[in-house]
Every structure is written in structure tokens, then in C-alpha cells.
Protein backbone atom coordinates (compact mmCIF):
# COMPACT_ATOMS: atom_id res chain seq x y z
CA MET A 1 5.43 14.23 35.42
CA VAL A 2 4.26 16.51 32.65
CA LYS A 3 1.16 18.67 32.73
CA THR A 4 -0.33 20.37 29.74
CA ARG A 5 -3.62 21.56 28.34
CA LEU A 6 -4.74 20.32 24.95
CA PRO A 7 -7.20 22.00 22.63
CA ILE A 8 -10.50 20.11 22.77
CA LYS A 9 -10.20 18.77 19.19
CA LEU A 10 -6.75 17.39 19.89
CA TYR A 11 -7.90 15.87 23.17
CA GLU A 12 -10.78 14.21 21.33
CA ARG A 13 -8.29 12.66 18.90
CA VAL A 14 -6.25 11.34 21.82
CA GLU A 15 -9.41 9.90 23.38
CA GLU A 16 -10.27 8.19 20.10
CA PHE A 17 -6.74 6.76 19.83
CA ALA A 18 -7.06 5.45 23.38
CA ARG A 19 -10.48 3.93 22.71
CA VAL A 20 -9.40 2.22 19.48
CA ASN A 21 -6.30 0.81 21.18
CA GLY A 22 -8.05 -0.17 24.40
CA ILE A 23 -5.80 1.94 26.61
CA SER A 24 -6.21 4.88 28.97
CA VAL A 25 -5.89 8.46 27.76
CA TYR A 26 -2.69 8.78 29.81
CA GLU A 27 -1.14 5.72 28.20
CA ALA A 28 -2.25 6.98 24.79
CA LEU A 29 -0.49 10.30 25.40
CA ARG A 30 2.70 8.51 26.43
CA LYS A 31 2.61 6.32 23.33
CA LEU A 32 1.90 9.23 20.99
CA VAL A 33 4.71 11.34 22.41
CA GLU A 34 7.10 8.39 22.20
CA ARG A 35 6.12 7.70 18.59
CA GLY A 36 6.61 11.34 17.68
CA LEU A 37 10.05 11.43 19.23
CA ASP A 38 11.12 8.10 17.74
CA ARG A 39 10.05 8.99 14.24
CA GLY A 40 11.40 12.51 14.29
CA GLY A 41 8.05 14.03 13.38
CA LEU A 42 6.81 15.11 10.00
CA TYR A 43 9.17 18.07 9.90
CA ARG A 44 12.04 15.84 8.83
CA PHE A 45 10.31 15.39 5.47
CA PHE A 46 10.41 19.12 4.81
CA GLU A 47 14.19 18.91 4.78
CA ASP A 48 14.26 16.02 2.27
CA ASP A 49 14.10 17.58 -1.20
CA GLU A 50 14.07 14.22 -2.99
CA PHE A 51 11.08 13.05 -0.96
CA LEU A 52 9.18 16.28 -1.64
CA LEU A 53 9.99 16.19 -5.34
CA SER A 54 8.82 12.59 -5.61
CA LEU A 55 5.49 13.51 -4.00
CA ILE A 56 5.06 16.49 -6.31
CA THR A 57 5.96 14.37 -9.35
CA ILE A 58 3.35 11.76 -8.50
CA LYS A 59 0.70 14.41 -7.82
CA VAL A 60 1.45 16.20 -11.12
CA LYS A 61 1.19 12.95 -13.10
CA TYR A 62 -2.23 12.04 -11.72
CA ASP A 63 -3.86 15.40 -11.04
CA GLY A 64 -4.03 17.83 -13.94
CA GLU A 65 -5.58 20.61 -11.86
CA PHE A 66 -2.71 20.38 -9.36
CA ALA A 67 -0.22 20.51 -12.26
CA ARG A 68 -1.86 23.71 -13.55
CA LYS A 69 -1.85 25.28 -10.07
CA LEU A 70 1.81 24.40 -9.64
CA ALA A 71 2.68 25.86 -13.05
CA ARG A 72 0.86 29.10 -12.17
CA LEU A 73 2.58 29.28 -8.80
CA LEU A 74 6.01 28.80 -10.34
CA ALA A 75 5.25 31.29 -13.11
CA ASP A 76 4.11 33.86 -10.55
CA SER A 77 7.33 33.39 -8.61
CA GLY A 78 9.35 34.14 -11.74
CA ARG A 79 11.01 30.73 -11.63
CA ILE A 80 9.61 29.43 -14.91
CA THR A 81 7.57 30.64 -17.85
CA VAL A 82 4.39 28.88 -18.88
């Protein structure tokens, strides 16, 4: 058995997940924890440079403002000149 306290906003999300899926809050928590463990969580994507670069490339192609922000950020870091 595991006991924990969730922030109210997170608990509300769990309740919504349970409602949408027609299950109890307890079953929803079990399923969500299992999914998180099975998928390795979002943190695995932060270690995948190719995945991150592909996301940035797509965003730059379709969002000019993002491209300008990225260019400024890189220029400020001394990595590139704009």
C-alpha cells in the first residue's frame, strides 16, 4: 500500500481521468503510475538530442517568432552570431 498527498490541482486531474475512463480514483492512480513507469516518463526525451532537434526544427520552420527568440537566445549565449 502507498499513501501520498496530492496537490489539489493534480488530484482534480486524477479525478477527471477516473471520470472519463469510468473507473475509481484509486484505479486511476494505479493506471497512471503504471503508465508512467512503463513509458519511462517524459524525462527520457530530454536525453534524446535528435528528438529535441527535430522538434526545434519543426517549430522554427512554422513559427517565425520562435525562430527569432531562439536566434536571440543562442546569440546571447555566445554560441552563434546573428
